[in-house]
């Protein structure tokens, strides 16, 4: 490949299914992804990252070692991208590495709160010899914001269309929605869980890490009363700006709701969880963008055929399409967004949207670890 200003974006999302990396270049608001590489997380690292979402014994020590291991996993994906592209490390302007969110409590406790992404960007810069940009959320939180979602500004540049409202739904562990208005205004917020609870339940009862194509959920029947109880979660009714994570939607939350349904068939519970995700996302789109005619879906949930079918059924007036039909395959969008965030940081350009996060103003996001 020719020597250009390439960026690498890395993402390991809330679903913890692995690390996705992209090699990308930018021209204005346009993003071109030249290559994509991914790698699963080692089972012991995945288990530790899940455990660190909750308080536990010796967690500072364990979190530091998990961050080291994650940085090494990131470096492996970087090396794979360089090898596939035939590039030397000097051809990469920067790596954007988000890290793994294990706690997200903005505005809580003391009014500022915190958000914590496990990562060791200094180690990643040492291993790769490439400048790393990381810690994208904390400046927005310091400015009074949620620190999330971070991707709506990127969605606007890549997926926005003149003359009509377009929505982008990212179905990772958590579902987040970007509403892109024709006048350039952007609204973005978390809707609730996407894959986090479905993956947990599937692994608990089938041993598989996720419900491939939603086939297991498709064979069950949603439990109406349980679904109603899940949809009554107060977070869903909150107005934006709002963001969430495994701090709320975790196995303890689910088990609390299932206490009255001990005899329910596990497959019916899975069908209920899929319907919960579809309905919480659909109702947010109808509430905040009733004029929307196009919903672009990305993230791992876009590969869940049953979930996509349920979204289409609940949104009959909306064209629901995977992001691959709009230039970026579903598993590349988030990683490309963090390549863009690294570019914005190095350019000294703001990347946050106060209307999305609720911060006092737009901020330059990220901390730089030079090569």
Protein backbone atom coordinates (compact mmCIF):
# COMPACT_ATOMS: atom_id res chain seq x y z
CA UNK A 1 0.00 0.00 0.00
CA UNK A 2 1.13 3.54 -0.67
CA UNK A 3 2.53 5.66 2.15
CA UNK A 4 -0.44 7.65 3.40
CA UNK A 5 -1.69 9.03 6.69
CA UNK A 6 -3.14 5.81 7.99
CA UNK A 7 -4.85 5.34 11.33
CA UNK A 8 -5.66 2.15 13.19
CA UNK A 9 -8.80 1.96 15.31
CA UNK A 10 -9.25 -0.73 17.97
CA UNK A 11 -12.42 -1.72 19.77
CA UNK A 12 -13.26 -4.35 22.36
CA UNK A 13 -16.86 -3.67 23.23
CA UNK A 14 -19.18 -4.39 26.11
CA UNK A 15 -20.12 -7.73 24.57
CA UNK A 16 -16.52 -8.92 25.11
CA UNK A 17 -16.60 -11.07 22.00
CA UNK A 18 -13.11 -10.01 20.91
CA UNK A 19 -10.98 -7.20 19.51
CA UNK A 20 -11.81 -5.56 16.19
CA UNK A 21 -9.24 -3.44 14.39
CA UNK A 22 -9.35 -1.41 11.19
CA UNK A 23 -6.81 0.34 9.02
CA UNK A 24 -8.46 3.55 7.89
CA UNK A 25 -7.79 6.82 6.15
CA UNK A 26 -9.88 9.99 6.17
CA UNK A 27 -10.67 12.72 3.70
CA UNK A 28 -12.79 15.44 5.27
CA UNK A 29 -15.74 13.58 6.78
CA UNK A 30 -15.24 10.54 4.56
CA UNK A 31 -13.78 7.38 6.04
CA UNK A 32 -12.24 4.57 4.00
CA UNK A 33 -11.44 1.29 5.71
CA UNK A 34 -8.77 -0.59 3.83
CA UNK A 35 -8.50 -3.63 6.09
CA UNK A 36 -10.22 -5.24 9.05
CA UNK A 37 -8.77 -7.77 11.48
CA UNK A 38 -10.19 -9.35 14.59
CA UNK A 39 -9.13 -11.71 17.33
CA UNK A 40 -11.08 -13.38 20.13
CA UNK A 41 -10.15 -12.56 23.69
CA UNK A 42 -8.43 -15.37 25.58
CA UNK A 43 -11.08 -17.09 27.73
CA UNK A 44 -9.28 -16.25 30.98
CA UNK A 45 -8.98 -12.56 30.02
CA UNK A 46 -12.62 -12.41 28.99
CA UNK A 47 -13.66 -13.97 32.30
CA UNK A 48 -11.49 -11.52 34.27
CA UNK A 49 -12.84 -8.48 32.41
CA UNK A 50 -16.38 -9.66 33.12
CA UNK A 51 -15.54 -10.18 36.80
CA UNK A 52 -13.99 -6.71 37.06
CA UNK A 53 -17.34 -5.15 36.23
CA UNK A 54 -18.14 -5.79 39.90
CA UNK A 55 -16.24 -5.13 43.11
CA UNK A 56 -14.00 -7.98 44.15
CA UNK A 57 -10.91 -9.08 46.04
CA UNK A 58 -7.61 -7.42 45.06
CA UNK A 59 -9.29 -5.74 42.11
CA UNK A 60 -6.71 -2.96 41.60
CA UNK A 61 -3.96 -5.53 41.09
CA UNK A 62 -6.15 -7.70 38.89
CA UNK A 63 -7.31 -4.71 36.82
CA UNK A 64 -3.73 -3.60 36.16
CA UNK A 65 -2.74 -7.05 34.92
CA UNK A 66 -5.89 -7.35 32.82
CA UNK A 67 -5.06 -3.98 31.23
CA UNK A 68 -1.59 -5.28 30.34
CA UNK A 69 -3.08 -8.42 28.79
CA UNK A 70 -5.60 -6.38 26.84
CA UNK A 71 -2.87 -4.08 25.49
CA UNK A 72 -0.99 -7.16 24.27
CA UNK A 73 -4.16 -8.45 22.58
CA UNK A 74 -4.55 -5.05 20.92
CA UNK A 75 -0.92 -5.18 19.76
CA UNK A 76 -1.54 -8.57 18.17
CA UNK A 77 -4.37 -7.12 16.06
CA UNK A 78 -2.18 -4.15 15.09
CA UNK A 79 0.58 -6.49 13.94
CA UNK A 80 -1.93 -8.50 11.94
CA UNK A 81 -3.17 -5.37 10.17
CA UNK A 82 0.37 -4.24 9.36
CA UNK A 83 1.26 -7.67 7.98
CA UNK A 84 -1.88 -7.84 5.82
CA UNK A 85 -1.25 -4.34 4.48
CA UNK A 86 2.46 -4.80 3.94
CA UNK A 87 3.10 -1.62 5.94
CA UNK A 88 5.82 -0.66 8.37
CA UNK A 89 4.82 0.90 11.65
CA UNK A 90 6.11 4.30 10.47
CA UNK A 91 3.22 4.44 7.99
CA UNK A 92 0.67 4.62 10.82
CA UNK A 93 0.00 8.10 12.16
CA UNK A 94 -1.71 6.83 15.31
CA UNK A 95 -3.70 4.08 16.96
CA UNK A 96 -7.02 4.91 18.60
CA UNK A 97 -7.54 2.43 21.44
CA UNK A 98 -10.68 2.78 23.54
CA UNK A 99 -9.94 0.15 26.18
CA UNK A 100 -12.49 -2.00 27.98
CA UNK A 101 -15.19 -0.25 29.98
CA UNK A 102 -15.61 -1.94 33.36
CA UNK A 103 -17.35 0.87 35.31
CA UNK A 104 -19.43 3.74 33.98
CA UNK A 105 -20.93 6.05 36.58
CA UNK A 106 -20.86 9.58 35.16
CA UNK A 107 -22.38 12.37 37.27
CA UNK A 108 -22.84 9.93 40.19
CA UNK A 109 -21.68 10.16 43.81
CA UNK A 110 -19.97 13.58 43.85
CA UNK A 111 -21.67 15.20 40.85
CA UNK A 112 -18.82 14.38 38.46
CA UNK A 113 -18.65 10.62 38.81
CA UNK A 114 -16.28 8.60 36.69
CA UNK A 115 -15.89 6.24 33.78
CA UNK A 116 -13.19 3.57 33.75
CA UNK A 117 -11.75 1.85 30.71
CA UNK A 118 -9.07 -0.75 31.37
CA UNK A 119 -6.16 -0.22 29.01
CA UNK A 120 -2.41 0.27 29.05
CA UNK A 121 -1.80 2.64 26.14
CA UNK A 122 1.80 3.23 27.23
CA UNK A 123 2.48 -0.49 26.88
CA UNK A 124 0.68 -0.58 23.52
CA UNK A 125 2.87 2.30 22.27
CA UNK A 126 5.99 0.47 23.52
CA UNK A 127 5.08 -2.82 21.84
CA UNK A 128 3.98 -1.36 18.50
CA UNK A 129 6.25 1.68 18.24
CA UNK A 130 3.21 3.70 17.12
CA UNK A 131 1.63 6.74 18.76
CA UNK A 132 -1.46 5.73 20.74
CA UNK A 133 -4.46 7.90 21.61
CA UNK A 134 -6.65 6.60 24.43
CA UNK A 135 -8.84 7.70 27.36
CA UNK A 136 -11.51 9.31 25.20
CA UNK A 137 -14.32 9.55 27.74
CA UNK A 138 -12.87 11.18 30.84
CA UNK A 139 -12.54 14.77 29.55
CA UNK A 140 -16.22 14.88 28.65
CA UNK A 141 -17.10 13.53 32.10
CA UNK A 142 -14.89 16.18 33.69
CA UNK A 143 -16.88 18.77 31.72
CA UNK A 144 -20.10 17.53 33.27
CA UNK A 145 -21.05 15.09 30.52
CA UNK A 146 -21.89 11.43 30.29
CA UNK A 147 -18.73 10.61 28.36
CA UNK A 148 -20.92 8.51 26.10
CA UNK A 149 -21.92 7.75 23.50
CA UNK A 150 -18.84 9.00 21.66
CA UNK A 151 -19.70 7.87 18.13
CA UNK A 152 -22.65 10.07 17.03
CA UNK A 153 -20.34 12.75 15.57
CA UNK A 154 -18.60 10.05 13.53
CA UNK A 155 -21.96 8.59 12.51
CA UNK A 156 -23.03 12.01 11.26
CA UNK A 157 -20.00 12.33 9.00
CA UNK A 158 -20.24 8.80 7.61
CA UNK A 159 -23.97 8.07 7.50
CA UNK A 160 -25.74 11.45 7.56
CA UNK A 161 -27.82 12.25 4.49
CA UNK A 162 -29.01 15.68 3.34
CA UNK A 163 -32.74 16.16 3.30
CA UNK A 164 -33.83 13.40 5.67
CA UNK A 165 -33.49 12.06 9.19
CA UNK A 166 -31.32 8.96 9.45
CA UNK A 167 -30.78 6.90 12.60
CA UNK A 168 -27.83 4.63 13.39
CA UNK A 169 -28.29 1.86 15.93
CA UNK A 170 -25.19 0.22 17.36
CA UNK A 171 -26.01 -3.17 18.86
CA UNK A 172 -22.98 -4.09 20.93
CA UNK A 173 -23.25 -5.21 24.52
CA UNK A 174 -25.31 -2.06 25.03
CA UNK A 175 -27.54 -0.49 22.37
CA UNK A 176 -26.92 3.13 21.46
CA UNK A 177 -28.84 5.24 19.00
CA UNK A 178 -27.66 8.20 16.92
CA UNK A 179 -30.34 10.38 15.32
CA UNK A 180 -28.93 12.43 12.47
CA UNK A 181 -31.17 15.35 11.51
CA UNK A 182 -31.10 16.87 8.01
CA UNK A 183 -30.14 20.26 9.52
CA UNK A 184 -26.98 18.76 11.04
CA UNK A 185 -28.30 18.45 14.59
CA UNK A 186 -27.44 15.15 16.24
CA UNK A 187 -29.04 13.33 19.16
CA UNK A 188 -27.41 10.26 20.65
CA UNK A 189 -27.95 8.11 23.75
CA UNK A 190 -27.96 4.57 25.10
CA UNK A 191 -31.25 2.70 24.76
CA UNK A 192 -30.53 -0.23 27.08
CA UNK A 193 -28.97 -3.67 26.67
CA UNK A 194 -28.32 -5.20 23.27
CA UNK A 195 -26.22 -8.38 23.36
CA UNK A 196 -24.95 -8.28 26.95
CA UNK A 197 -27.88 -10.07 28.58
CA UNK A 198 -28.65 -12.33 25.62
CA UNK A 199 -25.03 -13.50 25.44
CA UNK A 200 -24.92 -14.10 29.19
CA UNK A 201 -28.11 -16.16 29.17
CA UNK A 202 -27.09 -18.12 26.09
CA UNK A 203 -23.72 -19.01 27.56
CA UNK A 204 -25.24 -19.98 30.91
CA UNK A 205 -27.71 -22.41 29.37
CA UNK A 206 -26.10 -23.63 26.14
CA UNK A 207 -22.37 -23.14 26.70
CA UNK A 208 -22.16 -21.05 23.55
CA UNK A 209 -20.89 -17.46 23.88
CA UNK A 210 -23.73 -16.02 21.81
CA UNK A 211 -26.98 -16.99 20.07
CA UNK A 212 -25.85 -17.47 16.47
CA UNK A 213 -28.30 -15.67 14.15
CA UNK A 214 -30.76 -15.56 17.05
CA UNK A 215 -31.77 -19.14 16.26
CA UNK A 216 -32.26 -20.14 19.90
CA UNK A 217 -34.41 -17.08 20.63
CA UNK A 218 -36.42 -17.68 17.47
CA UNK A 219 -37.47 -21.09 18.77
CA UNK A 220 -38.82 -19.69 22.03
CA UNK A 221 -41.87 -17.63 22.99
CA UNK A 222 -41.52 -14.27 24.72
CA UNK A 223 -43.05 -14.26 28.21
CA UNK A 224 -45.43 -11.29 28.15
CA UNK A 225 -45.44 -10.50 31.87
CA UNK A 226 -41.64 -10.80 32.13
CA UNK A 227 -41.21 -8.58 29.08
CA UNK A 228 -43.46 -5.95 30.63
CA UNK A 229 -41.39 -6.03 33.82
CA UNK A 230 -38.14 -5.58 31.88
CA UNK A 231 -39.59 -2.71 29.87
CA UNK A 232 -40.59 -0.99 33.13
CA UNK A 233 -36.91 -0.40 33.98
CA UNK A 234 -36.72 3.32 34.90
CA UNK A 235 -33.59 3.94 32.80
CA UNK A 236 -35.60 3.36 29.63
CA UNK A 237 -37.95 6.25 30.44
CA UNK A 238 -35.18 8.76 31.22
CA UNK A 239 -34.75 11.57 28.70
CA UNK A 240 -31.37 12.03 26.99
CA UNK A 241 -28.57 12.64 27.67
CA UNK A 242 -28.15 9.21 29.18
CA UNK A 243 -25.73 6.32 29.04
CA UNK A 244 -25.45 2.97 30.76
CA UNK A 245 -23.50 -0.27 30.86
CA UNK A 246 -23.00 -3.46 32.83
CA UNK A 247 -23.20 -1.37 36.01
CA UNK A 248 -26.98 -1.62 35.52
CA UNK A 249 -27.72 -4.32 32.96
CA UNK A 250 -25.86 -7.27 34.43
CA UNK A 251 -26.66 -10.84 35.59
CA UNK A 252 -27.75 -9.60 39.05
CA UNK A 253 -30.29 -7.27 37.44
CA UNK A 254 -31.58 -10.09 35.26
CA UNK A 255 -31.72 -12.63 38.10
CA UNK A 256 -33.72 -10.14 40.17
CA UNK A 257 -36.36 -10.01 37.46
CA UNK A 258 -36.30 -13.78 36.98
CA UNK A 259 -36.91 -14.55 40.65
CA UNK A 260 -40.62 -14.93 39.93
CA UNK A 261 -39.95 -17.04 36.82
CA UNK A 262 -37.87 -19.90 38.15
CA UNK A 263 -39.83 -22.44 36.11
CA UNK A 264 -39.63 -20.55 32.82
CA UNK A 265 -38.04 -22.40 29.92
CA UNK A 266 -34.57 -20.91 29.27
CA UNK A 267 -35.34 -20.64 25.56
CA UNK A 268 -38.44 -18.57 26.31
CA UNK A 269 -36.34 -16.28 28.49
CA UNK A 270 -33.92 -15.85 25.58
CA UNK A 271 -36.81 -14.95 23.29
CA UNK A 272 -37.98 -12.44 25.91
CA UNK A 273 -34.52 -10.85 26.10
CA UNK A 274 -34.35 -10.52 22.32
CA UNK A 275 -37.77 -8.89 22.30
CA UNK A 276 -36.70 -6.60 25.15
CA UNK A 277 -33.75 -5.35 23.11
CA UNK A 278 -35.83 -4.90 19.95
CA UNK A 279 -38.67 -3.09 21.71
CA UNK A 280 -36.53 -0.78 23.80
CA UNK A 281 -34.66 0.33 20.68
CA UNK A 282 -37.79 0.63 18.53
CA UNK A 283 -39.69 2.66 21.10
CA UNK A 284 -36.77 5.09 21.45
CA UNK A 285 -36.63 5.62 17.70
CA UNK A 286 -40.37 6.23 17.50
CA UNK A 287 -40.25 8.55 20.51
CA UNK A 288 -37.33 10.70 19.41
CA UNK A 289 -37.40 10.47 15.59
CA UNK A 290 -40.92 9.69 14.35
CA UNK A 291 -39.96 11.12 10.95
CA UNK A 292 -37.08 8.65 10.49
CA UNK A 293 -37.39 6.42 7.43
CA UNK A 294 -33.95 4.77 7.52
CA UNK A 295 -32.35 2.90 10.42
CA UNK A 296 -28.76 1.75 9.84
CA UNK A 297 -27.73 -1.05 12.21
CA UNK A 298 -24.14 -1.89 13.17
CA UNK A 299 -22.35 -3.88 15.86
CA UNK A 300 -22.56 -7.61 16.43
CA UNK A 301 -26.33 -7.47 16.86
CA UNK A 302 -26.67 -6.54 13.19
CA UNK A 303 -25.59 -10.13 12.45
CA UNK A 304 -28.45 -11.51 14.55
CA UNK A 305 -31.04 -12.28 11.86
CA UNK A 306 -33.88 -12.77 14.35
CA UNK A 307 -33.19 -9.47 16.11
CA UNK A 308 -33.14 -7.65 12.77
CA UNK A 309 -36.46 -9.28 11.85
CA UNK A 310 -38.01 -8.11 15.10
CA UNK A 311 -36.78 -4.55 14.53
CA UNK A 312 -38.34 -4.55 11.05
CA UNK A 313 -41.61 -5.89 12.41
CA UNK A 314 -41.74 -3.23 15.14
CA UNK A 315 -40.80 -0.43 12.73
CA UNK A 316 -42.99 -1.08 9.66
CA UNK A 317 -42.53 2.44 8.28
CA UNK A 318 -38.74 2.35 8.57
CA UNK A 319 -36.18 0.77 6.25
CA UNK A 320 -33.93 -1.25 8.61
CA UNK A 321 -30.60 -2.12 7.00
CA UNK A 322 -27.20 -3.34 8.07
CA UNK A 323 -24.40 -0.79 7.83
CA UNK A 324 -22.66 -2.84 5.13
CA UNK A 325 -25.20 -1.37 2.69
CA UNK A 326 -23.88 2.08 3.59
CA UNK A 327 -20.15 1.62 3.22
CA UNK A 328 -19.00 0.05 6.49
CA UNK A 329 -19.68 -3.54 7.61
CA UNK A 330 -21.24 -3.83 11.09
CA UNK A 331 -18.10 -5.06 12.87
CA UNK A 332 -15.96 -2.22 11.48
CA UNK A 333 -18.00 0.84 12.46
CA UNK A 334 -16.96 1.18 16.10
CA UNK A 335 -13.29 0.53 15.42
CA UNK A 336 -13.35 3.08 12.59
CA UNK A 337 -14.92 5.59 14.99
CA UNK A 338 -11.94 5.28 17.34
CA UNK A 339 -9.52 5.74 14.47
CA UNK A 340 -11.45 8.96 13.72
CA UNK A 341 -11.32 10.02 17.37
CA UNK A 342 -7.52 9.57 17.34
CA UNK A 343 -7.34 11.73 14.23
CA UNK A 344 -9.46 14.43 15.85
CA UNK A 345 -7.30 14.45 18.96
CA UNK A 346 -4.01 14.78 17.07
CA UNK A 347 -5.51 17.55 14.95
CA UNK A 348 -6.53 19.45 18.07
CA UNK A 349 -10.17 19.22 16.97
CA UNK A 350 -13.18 18.64 19.20
CA UNK A 351 -15.01 15.35 18.89
CA UNK A 352 -17.71 15.47 21.57
CA UNK A 353 -21.22 16.78 21.06
CA UNK A 354 -22.60 18.60 24.13
CA UNK A 355 -26.13 17.95 22.90
CA UNK A 356 -25.39 14.23 23.10
CA UNK A 357 -23.40 13.91 26.33
CA UNK A 358 -24.72 16.92 28.25
CA UNK A 359 -21.23 18.38 28.79
CA UNK A 360 -20.68 22.13 29.21
CA UNK A 361 -19.14 22.32 25.76
CA UNK A 362 -17.34 20.44 23.03
CA UNK A 363 -13.95 19.10 24.06
CA UNK A 364 -10.84 17.61 22.49
CA UNK A 365 -10.98 13.98 23.59
CA UNK A 366 -8.12 11.63 24.29
CA UNK A 367 -4.66 11.39 25.84
CA UNK A 368 -1.60 10.96 23.58
CA UNK A 369 1.17 8.41 24.17
CA UNK A 370 3.85 9.21 21.57
CA UNK A 371 5.66 6.46 19.69
